[in-house]
Amino acid sequence: MPENTTEGHEWPEGVPPVGTFVRDTRRERDALVMAAIGPYVQLRGMEGGVEWDAKPADIRPLTAREELSARTWVRNAASRLRLVGQ
């Protein structure tokens, strides 16, 4: 799980590091940065699924509260998967 909190920080060259939780402001979705390819950042939603491309200008770091909520969501989802797999 990513350990970097990005609130209040500018990303070098406008691109967040892989593993950063961000908000895609065009889609109004929280996501995880998976890669930066060309002029786009590839994102994957918190629930998983297919990645999508976003322009760096259309994403922002999560606030501390939003990031805590996202991390809690990921941990709870992992716990649910472990329970189902038993």
PDB file of N, CA and C in Angstrom:
ATOM      1  N   MET A   1       0.849  -1.175   0.000  1.00  0.00           N
ATOM      2  CA  MET A   1       0.000   0.000   0.000  1.00  0.00           C
ATOM      3  C   MET A   1       0.891   1.234   0.000  1.00  0.00           C
ATOM      4  N   PRO A   2       0.561   2.227  -0.818  1.00  0.00           N
ATOM      5  CA  PRO A   2       1.387   3.426  -0.866  1.00  0.00           C
ATOM      6  C   PRO A   2       1.450   4.114   0.486  1.00  0.00           C
ATOM      7  N   GLU A   3       2.574   4.707   0.753  1.00  0.00           N
ATOM      8  CA  GLU A   3       2.764   5.371   2.043  1.00  0.00           C
ATOM      9  C   GLU A   3       2.904   6.872   1.926  1.00  0.00           C
ATOM     10  N   ASN A   4       2.848   7.412   0.704  1.00  0.00           N
ATOM     11  CA  ASN A   4       3.089   8.843   0.556  1.00  0.00           C
ATOM     12  C   ASN A   4       1.792   9.635   0.598  1.00  0.00           C
ATOM     13  N   THR A   5       1.760  10.649   1.434  1.00  0.00           N
ATOM     14  CA  THR A   5       0.634  11.573   1.474  1.00  0.00           C
ATOM     15  C   THR A   5       1.038  12.791   0.665  1.00  0.00           C
ATOM     16  N   THR A   6       0.203  13.163  -0.288  1.00  0.00           N
ATOM     17  CA  THR A   6       0.593  14.220  -1.216  1.00  0.00           C
ATOM     18  C   THR A   6      -0.093  15.541  -0.942  1.00  0.00           C
ATOM     19  N   GLU A   7      -0.940  15.616   0.070  1.00  0.00           N
ATOM     20  CA  GLU A   7      -1.681  16.851   0.322  1.00  0.00           C
ATOM     21  C   GLU A   7      -0.715  18.020   0.530  1.00  0.00           C
ATOM     22  N   GLY A   8      -0.982  19.090  -0.188  1.00  0.00           N
ATOM     23  CA  GLY A   8      -0.184  20.294  -0.032  1.00  0.00           C
ATOM     24  C   GLY A   8       1.146  20.269  -0.757  1.00  0.00           C
ATOM     25  N   HIS A   9       1.386  19.262  -1.576  1.00  0.00           N
ATOM     26  CA  HIS A   9       2.657  19.147  -2.293  1.00  0.00           C
ATOM     27  C   HIS A   9       2.424  19.248  -3.790  1.00  0.00           C
ATOM     28  N   GLU A  10       3.341  19.861  -4.469  1.00  0.00           N
ATOM     29  CA  GLU A  10       3.311  19.903  -5.922  1.00  0.00           C
ATOM     30  C   GLU A  10       4.087  18.699  -6.443  1.00  0.00           C
ATOM     31  N   TRP A  11       3.575  18.104  -7.513  1.00  0.00           N
ATOM     32  CA  TRP A  11       4.259  16.969  -8.112  1.00  0.00           C
ATOM     33  C   TRP A  11       5.325  17.465  -9.079  1.00  0.00           C
ATOM     34  N   PRO A  12       6.502  16.834  -9.055  1.00  0.00           N
ATOM     35  CA  PRO A  12       7.524  17.234 -10.028  1.00  0.00           C
ATOM     36  C   PRO A  12       7.006  16.989 -11.440  1.00  0.00           C
ATOM     37  N   GLU A  13       7.180  17.971 -12.284  1.00  0.00           N
ATOM     38  CA  GLU A  13       6.751  17.904 -13.681  1.00  0.00           C
ATOM     39  C   GLU A  13       5.255  17.662 -13.818  1.00  0.00           C
ATOM     40  N   GLY A  14       4.473  17.917 -12.761  1.00  0.00           N
ATOM     41  CA  GLY A  14       3.031  17.791 -12.835  1.00  0.00           C
ATOM     42  C   GLY A  14       2.499  16.375 -12.815  1.00  0.00           C
ATOM     43  N   VAL A  15       3.356  15.386 -12.568  1.00  0.00           N
ATOM     44  CA  VAL A  15       2.934  13.988 -12.606  1.00  0.00           C
ATOM     45  C   VAL A  15       3.098  13.364 -11.225  1.00  0.00           C
ATOM     46  N   PRO A  16       2.023  12.795 -10.674  1.00  0.00           N
ATOM     47  CA  PRO A  16       2.128  12.148  -9.357  1.00  0.00           C
ATOM     48  C   PRO A  16       2.873  10.824  -9.453  1.00  0.00           C
ATOM     49  N   PRO A  17       3.536  10.415  -8.383  1.00  0.00           N
ATOM     50  CA  PRO A  17       4.233   9.134  -8.391  1.00  0.00           C
ATOM     51  C   PRO A  17       3.253   7.962  -8.472  1.00  0.00           C
ATOM     52  N   VAL A  18       3.715   6.869  -9.055  1.00  0.00           N
ATOM     53  CA  VAL A  18       2.926   5.631  -9.089  1.00  0.00           C
ATOM     54  C   VAL A  18       2.575   5.254  -7.653  1.00  0.00           C
ATOM     55  N   GLY A  19       1.326   4.841  -7.434  1.00  0.00           N
ATOM     56  CA  GLY A  19       0.874   4.447  -6.109  1.00  0.00           C
ATOM     57  C   GLY A  19       0.201   5.560  -5.332  1.00  0.00           C
ATOM     58  N   THR A  20       0.135   6.759  -5.908  1.00  0.00           N
ATOM     59  CA  THR A  20      -0.488   7.893  -5.238  1.00  0.00           C
ATOM     60  C   THR A  20      -2.002   7.829  -5.401  1.00  0.00           C
ATOM     61  N   PHE A  21      -2.731   8.094  -4.339  1.00  0.00           N
ATOM     62  CA  PHE A  21      -4.183   8.228  -4.426  1.00  0.00           C
ATOM     63  C   PHE A  21      -4.489   9.623  -4.962  1.00  0.00           C
ATOM     64  N   VAL A  22      -5.363   9.696  -5.972  1.00  0.00           N
ATOM     65  CA  VAL A  22      -5.716  10.976  -6.577  1.00  0.00           C
ATOM     66  C   VAL A  22      -7.214  11.038  -6.835  1.00  0.00           C
ATOM     67  N   ARG A  23      -7.681  12.222  -7.203  1.00  0.00           N
ATOM     68  CA  ARG A  23      -9.071  12.433  -7.603  1.00  0.00           C
ATOM     69  C   ARG A  23      -9.062  12.863  -9.062  1.00  0.00           C
ATOM     70  N   ASP A  24      -9.746  12.105  -9.918  1.00  0.00           N
ATOM     71  CA  ASP A  24      -9.943  12.485 -11.313  1.00  0.00           C
ATOM     72  C   ASP A  24     -11.136  13.447 -11.312  1.00  0.00           C
ATOM     73  N   THR A  25     -10.856  14.723 -11.533  1.00  0.00           N
ATOM     74  CA  THR A  25     -11.901  15.734 -11.419  1.00  0.00           C
ATOM     75  C   THR A  25     -12.878  15.704 -12.595  1.00  0.00           C
ATOM     76  N   ARG A  26     -12.483  15.160 -13.716  1.00  0.00           N
ATOM     77  CA  ARG A  26     -13.410  15.043 -14.855  1.00  0.00           C
ATOM     78  C   ARG A  26     -14.428  13.936 -14.617  1.00  0.00           C
ATOM     79  N   ARG A  27     -13.965  12.821 -14.054  1.00  0.00           N
ATOM     80  CA  ARG A  27     -14.867  11.684 -13.798  1.00  0.00           C
ATOM     81  C   ARG A  27     -15.454  11.703 -12.393  1.00  0.00           C
ATOM     82  N   GLU A  28     -14.935  12.591 -11.546  1.00  0.00           N
ATOM     83  CA  GLU A  28     -15.362  12.645 -10.142  1.00  0.00           C
ATOM     84  C   GLU A  28     -15.183  11.284  -9.459  1.00  0.00           C
ATOM     85  N   ARG A  29     -13.984  10.700  -9.649  1.00  0.00           N
ATOM     86  CA  ARG A  29     -13.679   9.393  -9.072  1.00  0.00           C
ATOM     87  C   ARG A  29     -12.320   9.434  -8.391  1.00  0.00           C
ATOM     88  N   ASP A  30     -12.223   8.741  -7.255  1.00  0.00           N
ATOM     89  CA  ASP A  30     -10.931   8.546  -6.608  1.00  0.00           C
ATOM     90  C   ASP A  30     -10.263   7.361  -7.287  1.00  0.00           C
ATOM     91  N   ALA A  31      -8.944   7.436  -7.393  1.00  0.00           N
ATOM     92  CA  ALA A  31      -8.218   6.398  -8.110  1.00  0.00           C
ATOM     93  C   ALA A  31      -6.795   6.304  -7.599  1.00  0.00           C
ATOM     94  N   LEU A  32      -6.106   5.288  -8.078  1.00  0.00           N
ATOM     95  CA  LEU A  32      -4.708   5.048  -7.760  1.00  0.00           C
ATOM     96  C   LEU A  32      -3.904   5.229  -9.038  1.00  0.00           C
ATOM     97  N   VAL A  33      -2.799   5.954  -8.963  1.00  0.00           N
ATOM     98  CA  VAL A  33      -1.937   6.151 -10.132  1.00  0.00           C
ATOM     99  C   VAL A  33      -1.198   4.842 -10.416  1.00  0.00           C
ATOM    100  N   MET A  34      -1.359   4.345 -11.642  1.00  0.00           N
ATOM    101  CA  MET A  34      -0.731   3.093 -12.049  1.00  0.00           C
ATOM    102  C   MET A  34       0.507   3.322 -12.918  1.00  0.00           C
ATOM    103  N   ALA A  35       0.512   4.403 -13.706  1.00  0.00           N
ATOM    104  CA  ALA A  35       1.639   4.689 -14.598  1.00  0.00           C
ATOM    105  C   ALA A  35       1.474   6.087 -15.177  1.00  0.00           C
ATOM    106  N   ALA A  36       2.548   6.593 -15.727  1.00  0.00           N
ATOM    107  CA  ALA A  36       2.512   7.826 -16.504  1.00  0.00           C
ATOM    108  C   ALA A  36       3.086   7.491 -17.869  1.00  0.00           C
ATOM    109  N   ILE A  37       2.260   7.632 -18.895  1.00  0.00           N
ATOM    110  CA  ILE A  37       2.673   7.268 -20.245  1.00  0.00           C
ATOM    111  C   ILE A  37       2.381   8.437 -21.163  1.00  0.00           C
ATOM    112  N   GLY A  38       3.443   8.966 -21.765  1.00  0.00           N
ATOM    113  CA  GLY A  38       3.272  10.119 -22.638  1.00  0.00           C
ATOM    114  C   GLY A  38       2.660  11.274 -21.864  1.00  0.00           C
ATOM    115  N   PRO A  39       1.660  11.922 -22.441  1.00  0.00           N
ATOM    116  CA  PRO A  39       1.051  13.077 -21.769  1.00  0.00           C
ATOM    117  C   PRO A  39      -0.051  12.693 -20.781  1.00  0.00           C
ATOM    118  N   TYR A  40      -0.234  11.411 -20.523  1.00  0.00           N
ATOM    119  CA  TYR A  40      -1.334  10.958 -19.676  1.00  0.00           C
ATOM    120  C   TYR A  40      -0.852  10.206 -18.441  1.00  0.00           C
ATOM    121  N   VAL A  41      -1.716  10.198 -17.439  1.00  0.00           N
ATOM    122  CA  VAL A  41      -1.503   9.398 -16.236  1.00  0.00           C
ATOM    123  C   VAL A  41      -2.551   8.297 -16.278  1.00  0.00           C
ATOM    124  N   GLN A  42      -2.123   7.045 -16.097  1.00  0.00           N
ATOM    125  CA  GLN A  42      -3.073   5.940 -16.077  1.00  0.00           C
ATOM    126  C   GLN A  42      -3.557   5.728 -14.655  1.00  0.00           C
ATOM    127  N   LEU A  43      -4.876   5.660 -14.514  1.00  0.00           N
ATOM    128  CA  LEU A  43      -5.507   5.539 -13.207  1.00  0.00           C
ATOM    129  C   LEU A  43      -6.346   4.265 -13.151  1.00  0.00           C
ATOM    130  N   ARG A  44      -6.489   3.733 -11.944  1.00  0.00           N
ATOM    131  CA  ARG A  44      -7.395   2.608 -11.704  1.00  0.00           C
ATOM    132  C   ARG A  44      -8.250   2.973 -10.505  1.00  0.00           C
ATOM    133  N   GLY A  45      -9.554   2.775 -10.638  1.00  0.00           N
ATOM    134  CA  GLY A  45     -10.486   3.094  -9.566  1.00  0.00           C
ATOM    135  C   GLY A  45     -10.211   2.284  -8.316  1.00  0.00           C
ATOM    136  N   MET A  46     -10.715   2.769  -7.193  1.00  0.00           N
ATOM    137  CA  MET A  46     -10.488   2.118  -5.909  1.00  0.00           C
ATOM    138  C   MET A  46     -11.029   0.694  -5.899  1.00  0.00           C
ATOM    139  N   GLU A  47     -12.093   0.453  -6.650  1.00  0.00           N
ATOM    140  CA  GLU A  47     -12.698  -0.868  -6.683  1.00  0.00           C
ATOM    141  C   GLU A  47     -12.022  -1.806  -7.677  1.00  0.00           C
ATOM    142  N   GLY A  48     -10.961  -1.325  -8.338  1.00  0.00           N
ATOM    143  CA  GLY A  48     -10.264  -2.133  -9.338  1.00  0.00           C
ATOM    144  C   GLY A  48     -10.853  -1.876 -10.708  1.00  0.00           C
ATOM    145  N   GLY A  49     -10.716  -2.834 -11.573  1.00  0.00           N
ATOM    146  CA  GLY A  49     -11.281  -2.700 -12.917  1.00  0.00           C
ATOM    147  C   GLY A  49     -10.271  -2.168 -13.919  1.00  0.00           C
ATOM    148  N   VAL A  50     -10.801  -1.699 -15.019  1.00  0.00           N
ATOM    149  CA  VAL A  50      -9.990  -1.248 -16.148  1.00  0.00           C
ATOM    150  C   VAL A  50      -9.386   0.122 -15.859  1.00  0.00           C
ATOM    151  N   GLU A  51      -8.129   0.281 -16.242  1.00  0.00           N
ATOM    152  CA  GLU A  51      -7.451   1.575 -16.092  1.00  0.00           C
ATOM    153  C   GLU A  51      -7.963   2.551 -17.148  1.00  0.00           C
ATOM    154  N   TRP A  52      -7.831   3.839 -16.860  1.00  0.00           N
ATOM    155  CA  TRP A  52      -8.170   4.858 -17.843  1.00  0.00           C
ATOM    156  C   TRP A  52      -7.090   5.927 -17.831  1.00  0.00           C
ATOM    157  N   ASP A  53      -7.040   6.686 -18.914  1.00  0.00           N
ATOM    158  CA  ASP A  53      -6.074   7.768 -19.051  1.00  0.00           C
ATOM    159  C   ASP A  53      -6.694   9.079 -18.586  1.00  0.00           C
ATOM    160  N   ALA A  54      -5.884   9.882 -17.914  1.00  0.00           N
ATOM    161  CA  ALA A  54      -6.310  11.213 -17.485  1.00  0.00           C
ATOM    162  C   ALA A  54      -5.158  12.184 -17.732  1.00  0.00           C
ATOM    163  N   LYS A  55      -5.506  13.394 -18.028  1.00  0.00           N
ATOM    164  CA  LYS A  55      -4.493  14.436 -18.161  1.00  0.00           C
ATOM    165  C   LYS A  55      -4.078  14.868 -16.761  1.00  0.00           C
ATOM    166  N   PRO A  56      -2.783  15.134 -16.546  1.00  0.00           N
ATOM    167  CA  PRO A  56      -2.344  15.586 -15.222  1.00  0.00           C
ATOM    168  C   PRO A  56      -3.106  16.796 -14.717  1.00  0.00           C
ATOM    169  N   ALA A  57      -3.552  17.666 -15.614  1.00  0.00           N
ATOM    170  CA  ALA A  57      -4.302  18.852 -15.198  1.00  0.00           C
ATOM    171  C   ALA A  57      -5.682  18.499 -14.642  1.00  0.00           C
ATOM    172  N   ASP A  58      -6.163  17.285 -14.937  1.00  0.00           N
ATOM    173  CA  ASP A  58      -7.494  16.866 -14.501  1.00  0.00           C
ATOM    174  C   ASP A  58      -7.476  16.023 -13.236  1.00  0.00           C
ATOM    175  N   ILE A  59      -6.313  15.888 -12.609  1.00  0.00           N
ATOM    176  CA  ILE A  59      -6.252  15.129 -11.364  1.00  0.00           C
ATOM    177  C   ILE A  59      -5.658  16.002 -10.259  1.00  0.00           C
ATOM    178  N   ARG A  60      -6.028  15.653  -9.040  1.00  0.00           N
ATOM    179  CA  ARG A  60      -5.483  16.374  -7.892  1.00  0.00           C
ATOM    180  C   ARG A  60      -5.223  15.370  -6.785  1.00  0.00           C
ATOM    181  N   PRO A  61      -4.305  15.716  -5.871  1.00  0.00           N
ATOM    182  CA  PRO A  61      -4.086  14.833  -4.726  1.00  0.00           C
ATOM    183  C   PRO A  61      -5.327  14.803  -3.846  1.00  0.00           C
ATOM    184  N   LEU A  62      -5.540  13.716  -3.164  1.00  0.00           N
ATOM    185  CA  LEU A  62      -6.625  13.650  -2.195  1.00  0.00           C
ATOM    186  C   LEU A  62      -6.255  14.475  -0.975  1.00  0.00           C
ATOM    187  N   THR A  63      -7.253  15.036  -0.339  1.00  0.00           N
ATOM    188  CA  THR A  63      -7.005  15.693   0.941  1.00  0.00           C
ATOM    189  C   THR A  63      -6.659  14.608   1.958  1.00  0.00           C
ATOM    190  N   ALA A  64      -6.161  14.994   3.102  1.00  0.00           N
ATOM    191  CA  ALA A  64      -5.815  14.006   4.136  1.00  0.00           C
ATOM    192  C   ALA A  64      -7.039  13.174   4.506  1.00  0.00           C
ATOM    193  N   ARG A  65      -8.192  13.808   4.640  1.00  0.00           N
ATOM    194  CA  ARG A  65      -9.429  13.093   4.987  1.00  0.00           C
ATOM    195  C   ARG A  65      -9.833  12.128   3.868  1.00  0.00           C
ATOM    196  N   GLU A  66      -9.756  12.579   2.614  1.00  0.00           N
ATOM    197  CA  GLU A  66     -10.105  11.722   1.478  1.00  0.00           C
ATOM    198  C   GLU A  66      -9.152  10.535   1.379  1.00  0.00           C
ATOM    199  N   GLU A  67      -7.864  10.799   1.623  1.00  0.00           N
ATOM    200  CA  GLU A  67      -6.887   9.714   1.538  1.00  0.00           C
ATOM    201  C   GLU A  67      -7.115   8.683   2.638  1.00  0.00           C
ATOM    202  N   LEU A  68      -7.417   9.138   3.843  1.00  0.00           N
ATOM    203  CA  LEU A  68      -7.715   8.212   4.929  1.00  0.00           C
ATOM    204  C   LEU A  68      -8.919   7.343   4.570  1.00  0.00           C
ATOM    205  N   SER A  69      -9.940   7.952   4.012  1.00  0.00           N
ATOM    206  CA  SER A  69     -11.123   7.210   3.594  1.00  0.00           C
ATOM    207  C   SER A  69     -10.774   6.188   2.516  1.00  0.00           C
ATOM    208  N   ALA A  70      -9.947   6.583   1.554  1.00  0.00           N
ATOM    209  CA  ALA A  70      -9.546   5.663   0.481  1.00  0.00           C
ATOM    210  C   ALA A  70      -8.746   4.489   1.034  1.00  0.00           C
ATOM    211  N   ARG A  71      -7.806   4.775   1.917  1.00  0.00           N
ATOM    212  CA  ARG A  71      -6.995   3.696   2.501  1.00  0.00           C
ATOM    213  C   ARG A  71      -7.865   2.747   3.323  1.00  0.00           C
ATOM    214  N   THR A  72      -8.831   3.293   4.050  1.00  0.00           N
ATOM    215  CA  THR A  72      -9.746   2.457   4.828  1.00  0.00           C
ATOM    216  C   THR A  72     -10.571   1.584   3.902  1.00  0.00           C
ATOM    217  N   TRP A  73     -11.052   2.148   2.807  1.00  0.00           N
ATOM    218  CA  TRP A  73     -11.833   1.395   1.835  1.00  0.00           C
ATOM    219  C   TRP A  73     -11.016   0.224   1.289  1.00  0.00           C
ATOM    220  N   VAL A  74      -9.755   0.481   0.931  1.00  0.00           N
ATOM    221  CA  VAL A  74      -8.889  -0.574   0.387  1.00  0.00           C
ATOM    222  C   VAL A  74      -8.661  -1.673   1.424  1.00  0.00           C
ATOM    223  N   ARG A  75      -8.382  -1.305   2.652  1.00  0.00           N
ATOM    224  CA  ARG A  75      -8.159  -2.305   3.710  1.00  0.00           C
ATOM    225  C   ARG A  75      -9.411  -3.140   3.960  1.00  0.00           C
ATOM    226  N   ASN A  76     -10.566  -2.482   4.004  1.00  0.00           N
ATOM    227  CA  ASN A  76     -11.811  -3.217   4.219  1.00  0.00           C
ATOM    228  C   ASN A  76     -12.114  -4.156   3.061  1.00  0.00           C
ATOM    229  N   ALA A  77     -11.858  -3.714   1.852  1.00  0.00           N
ATOM    230  CA  ALA A  77     -12.082  -4.572   0.689  1.00  0.00           C
ATOM    231  C   ALA A  77     -11.166  -5.787   0.741  1.00  0.00           C
ATOM    232  N   ALA A  78      -9.910  -5.592   1.141  1.00  0.00           N
ATOM    233  CA  ALA A  78      -8.974  -6.716   1.260  1.00  0.00           C
ATOM    234  C   ALA A  78      -9.444  -7.696   2.322  1.00  0.00           C
ATOM    235  N   SER A  79      -9.965  -7.181   3.425  1.00  0.00           N
ATOM    236  CA  SER A  79     -10.490  -8.056   4.498  1.00  0.00           C
ATOM    237  C   SER A  79     -11.669  -8.860   3.998  1.00  0.00           C
ATOM    238  N   ARG A  80     -12.552  -8.232   3.253  1.00  0.00           N
ATOM    239  CA  ARG A  80     -13.717  -8.945   2.711  1.00  0.00           C
ATOM    240  C   ARG A  80     -13.273 -10.061   1.781  1.00  0.00           C
ATOM    241  N   LEU A  81     -12.270  -9.802   0.960  1.00  0.00           N
ATOM    242  CA  LEU A  81     -11.779 -10.825   0.039  1.00  0.00           C
ATOM    243  C   LEU A  81     -11.171 -12.001   0.793  1.00  0.00           C
ATOM    244  N   ARG A  82     -10.462 -11.712   1.873  1.00  0.00           N
ATOM    245  CA  ARG A  82      -9.878 -12.798   2.680  1.00  0.00           C
ATOM    246  C   ARG A  82     -10.984 -13.644   3.294  1.00  0.00           C
ATOM    247  N   LEU A  83     -12.055 -13.018   3.758  1.00  0.00           N
ATOM    248  CA  LEU A  83     -13.163 -13.757   4.371  1.00  0.00           C
ATOM    249  C   LEU A  83     -13.877 -14.625   3.350  1.00  0.00           C
ATOM    250  N   VAL A  84     -14.052 -14.122   2.135  1.00  0.00           N
ATOM    251  CA  VAL A  84     -14.718 -14.883   1.074  1.00  0.00           C
ATOM    252  C   VAL A  84     -13.871 -16.076   0.661  1.00  0.00           C
ATOM    253  N   GLY A  85     -12.564 -15.915   0.684  1.00  0.00           N
ATOM    254  CA  GLY A  85     -11.652 -16.970   0.237  1.00  0.00           C
ATOM    255  C   GLY A  85     -11.487 -18.104   1.237  1.00  0.00           C
ATOM    256  N   GLN A  86     -12.064 -17.997   2.428  1.00  0.00           N
ATOM    257  CA  GLN A  86     -11.894 -19.048   3.448  1.00  0.00           C
ATOM    258  C   GLN A  86     -12.843 -20.190   3.236  1.00  0.00           C
TER     259      GLN A  86
END
